[in-house]
Amino acid sequence: CSNIRFSIDGVKKETYEKIRFGGKHEKLLENLELAQNNLKKMGFEFM
């Protein structure tokens, strides 16, 4: 399981949270950094 597709749909907090209702933009960014620093270095492919 080395392939992860992230569905995001917004770069601004207000746009992201309007489209992805119930999601927190700050939490998304925290987890993208986690993925970048831990999984991508292992060879995971992110889309």
All heavy atoms as atom14 arrays in JSON, in Angstrom:
{
  "sequence": "CSNIRFSIDGVKKETYEKIRFGGKHEKLLENLELAQNNLKKMGFEFM",
  "atom14_mask": [
    [1, 1, 1, 1, 1, 1, 0, 0, 0, 0, 0, 0, 0, 0],
    [1, 1, 1, 1, 1, 1, 0, 0, 0, 0, 0, 0, 0, 0],
    [1, 1, 1, 1, 1, 1, 1, 1, 0, 0, 0, 0, 0, 0],
    [1, 1, 1, 1, 1, 1, 1, 1, 0, 0, 0, 0, 0, 0],
    [1, 1, 1, 1, 1, 1, 1, 1, 1, 1, 1, 0, 0, 0],
    [1, 1, 1, 1, 1, 1, 1, 1, 1, 1, 1, 0, 0, 0],
    [1, 1, 1, 1, 1, 1, 0, 0, 0, 0, 0, 0, 0, 0],
    [1, 1, 1, 1, 1, 1, 1, 1, 0, 0, 0, 0, 0, 0],
    [1, 1, 1, 1, 1, 1, 1, 1, 0, 0, 0, 0, 0, 0],
    [1, 1, 1, 1, 0, 0, 0, 0, 0, 0, 0, 0, 0, 0],
    [1, 1, 1, 1, 1, 1, 1, 0, 0, 0, 0, 0, 0, 0],
    [1, 1, 1, 1, 1, 1, 1, 1, 1, 0, 0, 0, 0, 0],
    [1, 1, 1, 1, 1, 1, 1, 1, 1, 0, 0, 0, 0, 0],
    [1, 1, 1, 1, 1, 1, 1, 1, 1, 0, 0, 0, 0, 0],
    [1, 1, 1, 1, 1, 1, 1, 0, 0, 0, 0, 0, 0, 0],
    [1, 1, 1, 1, 1, 1, 1, 1, 1, 1, 1, 1, 0, 0],
    [1, 1, 1, 1, 1, 1, 1, 1, 1, 0, 0, 0, 0, 0],
    [1, 1, 1, 1, 1, 1, 1, 1, 1, 0, 0, 0, 0, 0],
    [1, 1, 1, 1, 1, 1, 1, 1, 0, 0, 0, 0, 0, 0],
    [1, 1, 1, 1, 1, 1, 1, 1, 1, 1, 1, 0, 0, 0],
    [1, 1, 1, 1, 1, 1, 1, 1, 1, 1, 1, 0, 0, 0],
    [1, 1, 1, 1, 0, 0, 0, 0, 0, 0, 0, 0, 0, 0],
    [1, 1, 1, 1, 0, 0, 0, 0, 0, 0, 0, 0, 0, 0],
    [1, 1, 1, 1, 1, 1, 1, 1, 1, 0, 0, 0, 0, 0],
    [1, 1, 1, 1, 1, 1, 1, 1, 1, 1, 0, 0, 0, 0],
    [1, 1, 1, 1, 1, 1, 1, 1, 1, 0, 0, 0, 0, 0],
    [1, 1, 1, 1, 1, 1, 1, 1, 1, 0, 0, 0, 0, 0],
    [1, 1, 1, 1, 1, 1, 1, 1, 0, 0, 0, 0, 0, 0],
    [1, 1, 1, 1, 1, 1, 1, 1, 0, 0, 0, 0, 0, 0],
    [1, 1, 1, 1, 1, 1, 1, 1, 1, 0, 0, 0, 0, 0],
    [1, 1, 1, 1, 1, 1, 1, 1, 0, 0, 0, 0, 0, 0],
    [1, 1, 1, 1, 1, 1, 1, 1, 0, 0, 0, 0, 0, 0],
    [1, 1, 1, 1, 1, 1, 1, 1, 1, 0, 0, 0, 0, 0],
    [1, 1, 1, 1, 1, 1, 1, 1, 0, 0, 0, 0, 0, 0],
    [1, 1, 1, 1, 1, 0, 0, 0, 0, 0, 0, 0, 0, 0],
    [1, 1, 1, 1, 1, 1, 1, 1, 1, 0, 0, 0, 0, 0],
    [1, 1, 1, 1, 1, 1, 1, 1, 0, 0, 0, 0, 0, 0],
    [1, 1, 1, 1, 1, 1, 1, 1, 0, 0, 0, 0, 0, 0],
    [1, 1, 1, 1, 1, 1, 1, 1, 0, 0, 0, 0, 0, 0],
    [1, 1, 1, 1, 1, 1, 1, 1, 1, 0, 0, 0, 0, 0],
    [1, 1, 1, 1, 1, 1, 1, 1, 1, 0, 0, 0, 0, 0],
    [1, 1, 1, 1, 1, 1, 1, 1, 0, 0, 0, 0, 0, 0],
    [1, 1, 1, 1, 0, 0, 0, 0, 0, 0, 0, 0, 0, 0],
    [1, 1, 1, 1, 1, 1, 1, 1, 1, 1, 1, 0, 0, 0],
    [1, 1, 1, 1, 1, 1, 1, 1, 1, 0, 0, 0, 0, 0],
    [1, 1, 1, 1, 1, 1, 1, 1, 1, 1, 1, 0, 0, 0],
    [1, 1, 1, 1, 1, 1, 1, 1, 0, 0, 0, 0, 0, 0]
  ],
  "atom14_positions": [
    [[0.85, -1.2, 0.0], [0.0, 0.0, 0.0], [0.88, 1.25, 0.0], [1.07, 1.89, 1.03], [-0.91, -0.02, 1.23], [-2.09, 1.34, 1.28], [0.0, 0.0, 0.0], [0.0, 0.0, 0.0], [0.0, 0.0, 0.0], [0.0, 0.0, 0.0], [0.0, 0.0, 0.0], [0.0, 0.0, 0.0], [0.0, 0.0, 0.0], [0.0, 0.0, 0.0]],
    [[1.41, 1.58, -1.18], [2.37, 2.68, -1.27], [1.83, 3.84, -2.11], [2.59, 4.72, -2.52], [3.69, 2.18, -1.87], [3.47, 1.64, -3.16], [0.0, 0.0, 0.0], [0.0, 0.0, 0.0], [0.0, 0.0, 0.0], [0.0, 0.0, 0.0], [0.0, 0.0, 0.0], [0.0, 0.0, 0.0], [0.0, 0.0, 0.0], [0.0, 0.0, 0.0]],
    [[0.53, 3.82, -2.36], [-0.08, 4.82, -3.24], [-1.25, 5.49, -2.51], [-2.22, 4.82, -2.15], [-0.57, 4.11, -4.52], [-1.12, 5.06, -5.54], [-1.99, 5.86, -5.25], [-0.64, 4.96, -6.77], [0.0, 0.0, 0.0], [0.0, 0.0, 0.0], [0.0, 0.0, 0.0], [0.0, 0.0, 0.0], [0.0, 0.0, 0.0], [0.0, 0.0, 0.0]],
    [[-1.13, 6.8, -2.26], [-2.18, 7.52, -1.54], [-2.63, 8.72, -2.37], [-1.83, 9.54, -2.79], [-1.69, 8.0, -0.16], [-1.21, 6.82, 0.68], [-2.8, 8.75, 0.58], [-0.62, 7.23, 2.03], [0.0, 0.0, 0.0], [0.0, 0.0, 0.0], [0.0, 0.0, 0.0], [0.0, 0.0, 0.0], [0.0, 0.0, 0.0], [0.0, 0.0, 0.0]],
    [[-3.95, 8.8, -2.58], [-4.55, 9.95, -3.28], [-5.22, 10.84, -2.24], [-6.1, 10.4, -1.51], [-5.6, 9.5, -4.29], [-5.12, 8.53, -5.33], [-6.2, 8.27, -6.37], [-6.27, 9.39, -7.3], [-5.69, 9.39, -8.51], [-5.01, 8.35, -8.92], [-5.81, 10.44, -9.3], [0.0, 0.0, 0.0], [0.0, 0.0, 0.0], [0.0, 0.0, 0.0]],
    [[-4.78, 12.09, -2.18], [-5.38, 13.06, -1.27], [-6.38, 13.92, -2.05], [-6.03, 14.55, -3.04], [-4.3, 13.97, -0.67], [-3.34, 13.27, 0.24], [-2.08, 12.88, -0.21], [-3.69, 12.99, 1.56], [-1.18, 12.24, 0.63], [-2.8, 12.35, 2.41], [-1.55, 11.97, 1.94], [0.0, 0.0, 0.0], [0.0, 0.0, 0.0], [0.0, 0.0, 0.0]],
    [[-7.62, 13.93, -1.59], [-8.65, 14.79, -2.19], [-8.72, 16.06, -1.35], [-9.02, 16.0, -0.15], [-10.0, 14.08, -2.2], [-9.92, 12.91, -2.97], [0.0, 0.0, 0.0], [0.0, 0.0, 0.0], [0.0, 0.0, 0.0], [0.0, 0.0, 0.0], [0.0, 0.0, 0.0], [0.0, 0.0, 0.0], [0.0, 0.0, 0.0], [0.0, 0.0, 0.0]],
    [[-8.45, 17.22, -1.97], [-8.28, 18.44, -1.17], [-9.27, 19.54, -1.56], [-10.02, 20.02, -0.72], [-6.81, 18.93, -1.25], [-5.89, 17.85, -0.64], [-6.65, 20.25, -0.52], [-4.42, 18.18, -0.64], [0.0, 0.0, 0.0], [0.0, 0.0, 0.0], [0.0, 0.0, 0.0], [0.0, 0.0, 0.0], [0.0, 0.0, 0.0], [0.0, 0.0, 0.0]],
    [[-9.25, 20.03, -2.77], [-10.28, 20.94, -3.32], [-10.24, 22.39, -2.86], [-11.15, 23.15, -3.19], [-11.69, 20.39, -3.07], [-11.89, 19.02, -3.67], [-11.42, 18.8, -4.8], [-12.47, 18.15, -3.01], [0.0, 0.0, 0.0], [0.0, 0.0, 0.0], [0.0, 0.0, 0.0], [0.0, 0.0, 0.0], [0.0, 0.0, 0.0], [0.0, 0.0, 0.0]],
    [[-9.23, 22.8, -2.12], [-9.14, 24.22, -1.77], [-7.79, 24.55, -1.17], [-7.23, 23.75, -0.42], [0.0, 0.0, 0.0], [0.0, 0.0, 0.0], [0.0, 0.0, 0.0], [0.0, 0.0, 0.0], [0.0, 0.0, 0.0], [0.0, 0.0, 0.0], [0.0, 0.0, 0.0], [0.0, 0.0, 0.0], [0.0, 0.0, 0.0], [0.0, 0.0, 0.0]],
    [[-7.27, 25.75, -1.48], [-6.0, 26.18, -0.9], [-6.23, 27.19, 0.23], [-5.47, 27.23, 1.2], [-5.05, 26.75, -1.99], [-5.63, 28.02, -2.62], [-3.66, 27.0, -1.43], [0.0, 0.0, 0.0], [0.0, 0.0, 0.0], [0.0, 0.0, 0.0], [0.0, 0.0, 0.0], [0.0, 0.0, 0.0], [0.0, 0.0, 0.0], [0.0, 0.0, 0.0]],
    [[-7.28, 27.98, 0.1], [-7.63, 28.91, 1.18], [-8.51, 28.21, 2.2], [-9.35, 27.39, 1.85], [-8.35, 30.14, 0.61], [-7.48, 30.99, -0.29], [-8.27, 32.17, -0.85], [-7.38, 33.02, -1.76], [-8.16, 34.12, -2.39], [0.0, 0.0, 0.0], [0.0, 0.0, 0.0], [0.0, 0.0, 0.0], [0.0, 0.0, 0.0], [0.0, 0.0, 0.0]],
    [[-8.29, 28.53, 3.45], [-9.03, 27.89, 4.54], [-10.54, 27.96, 4.32], [-11.25, 26.95, 4.43], [-8.66, 28.54, 5.87], [-9.46, 28.05, 7.07], [-9.02, 28.76, 8.35], [-9.97, 28.49, 9.5], [-9.98, 27.05, 9.91], [0.0, 0.0, 0.0], [0.0, 0.0, 0.0], [0.0, 0.0, 0.0], [0.0, 0.0, 0.0], [0.0, 0.0, 0.0]],
    [[-11.04, 29.16, 3.97], [-12.49, 29.33, 3.83], [-13.05, 28.51, 2.66], [-14.15, 27.96, 2.74], [-12.86, 30.8, 3.7], [-12.2, 31.56, 2.56], [-10.87, 32.2, 2.93], [-10.18, 31.7, 3.86], [-10.51, 33.2, 2.29], [0.0, 0.0, 0.0], [0.0, 0.0, 0.0], [0.0, 0.0, 0.0], [0.0, 0.0, 0.0], [0.0, 0.0, 0.0]],
    [[-12.28, 28.43, 1.56], [-12.73, 27.63, 0.41], [-12.71, 26.15, 0.74], [-13.68, 25.43, 0.47], [-11.83, 27.9, -0.82], [-11.78, 29.3, -1.08], [-12.35, 27.17, -2.05], [0.0, 0.0, 0.0], [0.0, 0.0, 0.0], [0.0, 0.0, 0.0], [0.0, 0.0, 0.0], [0.0, 0.0, 0.0], [0.0, 0.0, 0.0], [0.0, 0.0, 0.0]],
    [[-11.61, 25.71, 1.31], [-11.47, 24.3, 1.66], [-12.6, 23.86, 2.59], [-13.24, 22.82, 2.38], [-10.11, 24.05, 2.32], [-9.96, 22.66, 2.88], [-9.57, 21.6, 2.05], [-10.23, 22.38, 4.22], [-9.45, 20.31, 2.56], [-10.12, 21.1, 4.72], [-9.73, 20.07, 3.89], [-9.63, 18.79, 4.39], [0.0, 0.0, 0.0], [0.0, 0.0, 0.0]],
    [[-12.85, 24.64, 3.62], [-13.84, 24.23, 4.63], [-15.27, 24.41, 4.16], [-16.18, 23.78, 4.7], [-13.57, 24.97, 5.94], [-12.24, 24.56, 6.56], [-11.93, 25.22, 7.9], [-12.77, 26.02, 8.39], [-10.86, 24.94, 8.46], [0.0, 0.0, 0.0], [0.0, 0.0, 0.0], [0.0, 0.0, 0.0], [0.0, 0.0, 0.0], [0.0, 0.0, 0.0]],
    [[-15.48, 25.24, 3.13], [-16.81, 25.35, 2.52], [-17.12, 24.11, 1.68], [-18.23, 23.56, 1.75], [-16.89, 26.6, 1.64], [-18.23, 26.74, 0.92], [-18.25, 27.96, 0.0], [-19.59, 28.05, -0.74], [-19.63, 29.23, -1.65], [0.0, 0.0, 0.0], [0.0, 0.0, 0.0], [0.0, 0.0, 0.0], [0.0, 0.0, 0.0], [0.0, 0.0, 0.0]],
    [[-16.12, 23.66, 0.9], [-16.33, 22.51, 0.01], [-16.23, 21.2, 0.79], [-17.07, 20.32, 0.64], [-15.29, 22.52, -1.14], [-15.52, 23.74, -2.03], [-15.39, 21.24, -1.97], [-14.47, 23.93, -3.11], [0.0, 0.0, 0.0], [0.0, 0.0, 0.0], [0.0, 0.0, 0.0], [0.0, 0.0, 0.0], [0.0, 0.0, 0.0], [0.0, 0.0, 0.0]],
    [[-15.22, 21.09, 1.65], [-15.03, 19.88, 2.46], [-15.59, 20.15, 3.85], [-14.87, 20.29, 4.83], [-13.56, 19.47, 2.48], [-13.1, 19.15, 1.08], [-11.96, 18.19, 0.97], [-12.09, 17.52, -0.34], [-12.44, 16.27, -0.51], [-12.68, 15.51, 0.53], [-12.55, 15.75, -1.71], [0.0, 0.0, 0.0], [0.0, 0.0, 0.0], [0.0, 0.0, 0.0]],
    [[-16.93, 20.2, 3.89], [-17.65, 20.62, 5.09], [-17.35, 19.67, 6.26], [-17.49, 18.46, 6.16], [-19.15, 20.63, 4.81], [-19.97, 21.22, 5.91], [-19.98, 22.59, 6.14], [-20.71, 20.41, 6.75], [-20.73, 23.13, 7.16], [-21.47, 20.94, 7.77], [-21.47, 22.31, 7.99], [0.0, 0.0, 0.0], [0.0, 0.0, 0.0], [0.0, 0.0, 0.0]],
    [[-16.91, 20.28, 7.37], [-16.55, 19.48, 8.54], [-15.06, 19.25, 8.66], [-14.57, 18.8, 9.7], [0.0, 0.0, 0.0], [0.0, 0.0, 0.0], [0.0, 0.0, 0.0], [0.0, 0.0, 0.0], [0.0, 0.0, 0.0], [0.0, 0.0, 0.0], [0.0, 0.0, 0.0], [0.0, 0.0, 0.0], [0.0, 0.0, 0.0], [0.0, 0.0, 0.0]],
    [[-14.31, 19.53, 7.59], [-12.85, 19.37, 7.61], [-12.16, 20.62, 8.14], [-12.68, 21.72, 7.99], [0.0, 0.0, 0.0], [0.0, 0.0, 0.0], [0.0, 0.0, 0.0], [0.0, 0.0, 0.0], [0.0, 0.0, 0.0], [0.0, 0.0, 0.0], [0.0, 0.0, 0.0], [0.0, 0.0, 0.0], [0.0, 0.0, 0.0], [0.0, 0.0, 0.0]],
    [[-11.01, 20.44, 8.75], [-10.22, 21.56, 9.25], [-8.94, 21.67, 8.43], [-8.14, 20.74, 8.37], [-9.87, 21.35, 10.73], [-11.1, 21.33, 11.64], [-11.85, 22.65, 11.61], [-13.09, 22.61, 12.49], [-13.91, 23.84, 12.34], [0.0, 0.0, 0.0], [0.0, 0.0, 0.0], [0.0, 0.0, 0.0], [0.0, 0.0, 0.0], [0.0, 0.0, 0.0]],
    [[-8.77, 22.83, 7.8], [-7.62, 23.03, 6.92], [-6.3, 22.87, 7.67], [-5.33, 22.3, 7.14], [-7.71, 24.43, 6.29], [-6.78, 24.61, 5.13], [-5.85, 25.6, 5.07], [-6.66, 23.9, 3.96], [-5.18, 25.52, 3.93], [-5.64, 24.51, 3.25], [0.0, 0.0, 0.0], [0.0, 0.0, 0.0], [0.0, 0.0, 0.0], [0.0, 0.0, 0.0]],
    [[-6.25, 23.35, 8.9], [-5.02, 23.24, 9.69], [-4.64, 21.78, 9.9], [-3.46, 21.42, 9.83], [-5.18, 23.93, 11.05], [-5.41, 25.42, 10.99], [-6.88, 25.79, 10.83], [-7.7, 24.88, 10.57], [-7.19, 27.0, 10.92], [0.0, 0.0, 0.0], [0.0, 0.0, 0.0], [0.0, 0.0, 0.0], [0.0, 0.0, 0.0], [0.0, 0.0, 0.0]],
    [[-5.63, 20.93, 10.16], [-5.37, 19.51, 10.38], [-4.87, 18.85, 9.1], [-3.96, 18.0, 9.14], [-6.66, 18.82, 10.86], [-6.48, 17.34, 11.21], [-5.52, 17.17, 12.38], [-5.35, 15.72, 12.76], [-4.37, 15.54, 13.86], [0.0, 0.0, 0.0], [0.0, 0.0, 0.0], [0.0, 0.0, 0.0], [0.0, 0.0, 0.0], [0.0, 0.0, 0.0]],
    [[-5.44, 19.23, 7.97], [-4.97, 18.7, 6.69], [-3.48, 19.01, 6.51], [-2.7, 18.13, 6.16], [-5.77, 19.3, 5.54], [-5.18, 19.04, 4.14], [-5.35, 17.58, 3.76], [-5.81, 19.95, 3.1], [0.0, 0.0, 0.0], [0.0, 0.0, 0.0], [0.0, 0.0, 0.0], [0.0, 0.0, 0.0], [0.0, 0.0, 0.0], [0.0, 0.0, 0.0]],
    [[-3.11, 20.27, 6.74], [-1.72, 20.67, 6.54], [-0.78, 19.94, 7.5], [0.32, 19.54, 7.11], [-1.58, 22.19, 6.71], [-2.4, 23.05, 5.73], [-2.09, 24.52, 5.93], [-2.13, 22.63, 4.29], [0.0, 0.0, 0.0], [0.0, 0.0, 0.0], [0.0, 0.0, 0.0], [0.0, 0.0, 0.0], [0.0, 0.0, 0.0], [0.0, 0.0, 0.0]],
    [[-1.21, 19.74, 8.73], [-0.41, 18.96, 9.7], [-0.15, 17.55, 9.17], [0.97, 17.04, 9.23], [-1.14, 18.86, 11.04], [-1.13, 20.12, 11.88], [-1.96, 19.94, 13.15], [-2.23, 18.78, 13.53], [-2.35, 20.97, 13.75], [0.0, 0.0, 0.0], [0.0, 0.0, 0.0], [0.0, 0.0, 0.0], [0.0, 0.0, 0.0], [0.0, 0.0, 0.0]],
    [[-1.19, 16.93, 8.64], [-1.06, 15.55, 8.17], [-0.28, 15.45, 6.86], [0.41, 14.45, 6.62], [-2.44, 14.9, 8.04], [-2.98, 14.43, 9.38], [-2.25, 14.38, 10.37], [-4.26, 14.09, 9.42], [0.0, 0.0, 0.0], [0.0, 0.0, 0.0], [0.0, 0.0, 0.0], [0.0, 0.0, 0.0], [0.0, 0.0, 0.0], [0.0, 0.0, 0.0]],
    [[-0.38, 16.46, 6.01], [0.44, 16.47, 4.8], [1.92, 16.56, 5.17], [2.77, 15.92, 4.54], [0.04, 17.63, 3.89], [-1.28, 17.48, 3.14], [-1.6, 18.75, 2.36], [-1.25, 16.28, 2.18], [0.0, 0.0, 0.0], [0.0, 0.0, 0.0], [0.0, 0.0, 0.0], [0.0, 0.0, 0.0], [0.0, 0.0, 0.0], [0.0, 0.0, 0.0]],
    [[2.23, 17.35, 6.18], [3.63, 17.44, 6.63], [4.08, 16.11, 7.23], [5.23, 15.67, 7.0], [3.78, 18.56, 7.67], [3.72, 19.96, 7.07], [4.84, 20.23, 6.08], [6.0, 19.82, 6.34], [4.57, 20.82, 5.01], [0.0, 0.0, 0.0], [0.0, 0.0, 0.0], [0.0, 0.0, 0.0], [0.0, 0.0, 0.0], [0.0, 0.0, 0.0]],
    [[3.21, 15.46, 7.99], [3.53, 14.14, 8.54], [3.83, 13.15, 7.41], [4.8, 12.39, 7.46], [2.34, 13.6, 9.35], [2.31, 13.82, 10.86], [1.05, 13.18, 11.44], [3.54, 13.24, 11.52], [0.0, 0.0, 0.0], [0.0, 0.0, 0.0], [0.0, 0.0, 0.0], [0.0, 0.0, 0.0], [0.0, 0.0, 0.0], [0.0, 0.0, 0.0]],
    [[2.97, 13.17, 6.4], [3.14, 12.27, 5.26], [4.44, 12.58, 4.52], [5.19, 11.68, 4.13], [1.95, 12.38, 4.31], [0.0, 0.0, 0.0], [0.0, 0.0, 0.0], [0.0, 0.0, 0.0], [0.0, 0.0, 0.0], [0.0, 0.0, 0.0], [0.0, 0.0, 0.0], [0.0, 0.0, 0.0], [0.0, 0.0, 0.0], [0.0, 0.0, 0.0]],
    [[4.71, 13.86, 4.35], [5.92, 14.31, 3.65], [7.18, 13.85, 4.37], [8.12, 13.34, 3.76], [5.9, 15.84, 3.54], [7.09, 16.46, 2.84], [6.87, 16.58, 1.35], [6.1, 15.82, 0.77], [7.56, 17.49, 0.72], [0.0, 0.0, 0.0], [0.0, 0.0, 0.0], [0.0, 0.0, 0.0], [0.0, 0.0, 0.0], [0.0, 0.0, 0.0]],
    [[7.19, 14.0, 5.68], [8.4, 13.74, 6.47], [8.58, 12.27, 6.84], [9.69, 11.86, 7.21], [8.37, 14.58, 7.75], [8.42, 16.07, 7.46], [9.02, 16.49, 6.48], [7.77, 16.86, 8.29], [0.0, 0.0, 0.0], [0.0, 0.0, 0.0], [0.0, 0.0, 0.0], [0.0, 0.0, 0.0], [0.0, 0.0, 0.0], [0.0, 0.0, 0.0]],
    [[7.52, 11.47, 6.73], [7.61, 10.08, 7.15], [7.39, 9.08, 6.02], [8.14, 8.12, 5.89], [6.59, 9.79, 8.25], [6.93, 10.48, 9.56], [7.67, 9.95, 10.37], [6.38, 11.68, 9.77], [0.0, 0.0, 0.0], [0.0, 0.0, 0.0], [0.0, 0.0, 0.0], [0.0, 0.0, 0.0], [0.0, 0.0, 0.0], [0.0, 0.0, 0.0]],
    [[6.37, 9.3, 5.2], [6.0, 8.31, 4.19], [6.66, 8.56, 2.84], [7.14, 7.62, 2.19], [4.48, 8.28, 4.02], [3.67, 7.99, 5.29], [2.17, 8.02, 4.98], [4.06, 6.66, 5.91], [0.0, 0.0, 0.0], [0.0, 0.0, 0.0], [0.0, 0.0, 0.0], [0.0, 0.0, 0.0], [0.0, 0.0, 0.0], [0.0, 0.0, 0.0]],
    [[6.7, 9.8, 2.42], [7.26, 10.1, 1.1], [8.73, 9.7, 1.03], [9.22, 9.21, 0.01], [7.1, 11.59, 0.8], [7.31, 11.96, -0.67], [7.01, 13.43, -0.89], [7.24, 13.83, -2.33], [7.08, 15.28, -2.53], [0.0, 0.0, 0.0], [0.0, 0.0, 0.0], [0.0, 0.0, 0.0], [0.0, 0.0, 0.0], [0.0, 0.0, 0.0]],
    [[9.44, 9.86, 2.15], [10.86, 9.49, 2.19], [11.06, 7.99, 2.04], [12.13, 7.53, 1.63], [11.48, 9.97, 3.51], [11.63, 11.48, 3.6], [12.23, 11.9, 4.92], [12.4, 13.42, 4.98], [12.95, 13.86, 6.28], [0.0, 0.0, 0.0], [0.0, 0.0, 0.0], [0.0, 0.0, 0.0], [0.0, 0.0, 0.0], [0.0, 0.0, 0.0]],
    [[10.04, 7.21, 2.39], [10.12, 5.76, 2.25], [9.89, 5.3, 0.81], [10.22, 4.18, 0.45], [9.06, 5.09, 3.13], [9.28, 5.21, 4.61], [7.92, 4.42, 5.53], [8.07, 2.71, 4.98], [0.0, 0.0, 0.0], [0.0, 0.0, 0.0], [0.0, 0.0, 0.0], [0.0, 0.0, 0.0], [0.0, 0.0, 0.0], [0.0, 0.0, 0.0]],
    [[9.31, 6.18, 0.0], [9.01, 5.83, -1.38], [7.53, 5.83, -1.73], [7.13, 5.43, -2.82], [0.0, 0.0, 0.0], [0.0, 0.0, 0.0], [0.0, 0.0, 0.0], [0.0, 0.0, 0.0], [0.0, 0.0, 0.0], [0.0, 0.0, 0.0], [0.0, 0.0, 0.0], [0.0, 0.0, 0.0], [0.0, 0.0, 0.0], [0.0, 0.0, 0.0]],
    [[6.68, 6.28, -0.79], [5.25, 6.4, -1.09], [5.05, 7.37, -2.25], [5.75, 8.37, -2.37], [4.5, 6.93, 0.13], [4.04, 5.88, 1.09], [4.94, 5.33, 2.02], [2.74, 5.41, 1.08], [4.53, 4.35, 2.92], [2.32, 4.44, 1.96], [3.22, 3.9, 2.89], [0.0, 0.0, 0.0], [0.0, 0.0, 0.0], [0.0, 0.0, 0.0]],
    [[4.06, 7.06, -3.09], [3.68, 7.97, -4.17], [2.41, 8.7, -3.75], [1.4, 8.07, -3.44], [3.44, 7.22, -5.47], [3.11, 8.17, -6.62], [3.1, 7.5, -7.98], [3.05, 6.25, -8.02], [3.13, 8.21, -8.99], [0.0, 0.0, 0.0], [0.0, 0.0, 0.0], [0.0, 0.0, 0.0], [0.0, 0.0, 0.0], [0.0, 0.0, 0.0]],
    [[2.48, 10.02, -3.73], [1.34, 10.84, -3.35], [0.76, 11.51, -4.59], [1.49, 12.0, -5.45], [1.75, 11.94, -2.36], [2.22, 11.43, -1.03], [3.06, 12.21, -0.25], [1.84, 10.19, -0.56], [3.5, 11.75, 0.98], [2.26, 9.73, 0.67], [3.11, 10.51, 1.44], [0.0, 0.0, 0.0], [0.0, 0.0, 0.0], [0.0, 0.0, 0.0]],
    [[-0.56, 11.54, -4.65], [-1.28, 12.28, -5.68], [-2.26, 13.23, -5.0], [-2.76, 12.92, -3.91], [-2.01, 11.34, -6.61], [-1.1, 10.65, -7.6], [-1.8, 9.11, -8.23], [-1.53, 8.04, -6.84], [0.0, 0.0, 0.0], [0.0, 0.0, 0.0], [0.0, 0.0, 0.0], [0.0, 0.0, 0.0], [0.0, 0.0, 0.0], [0.0, 0.0, 0.0]]
  ]
}
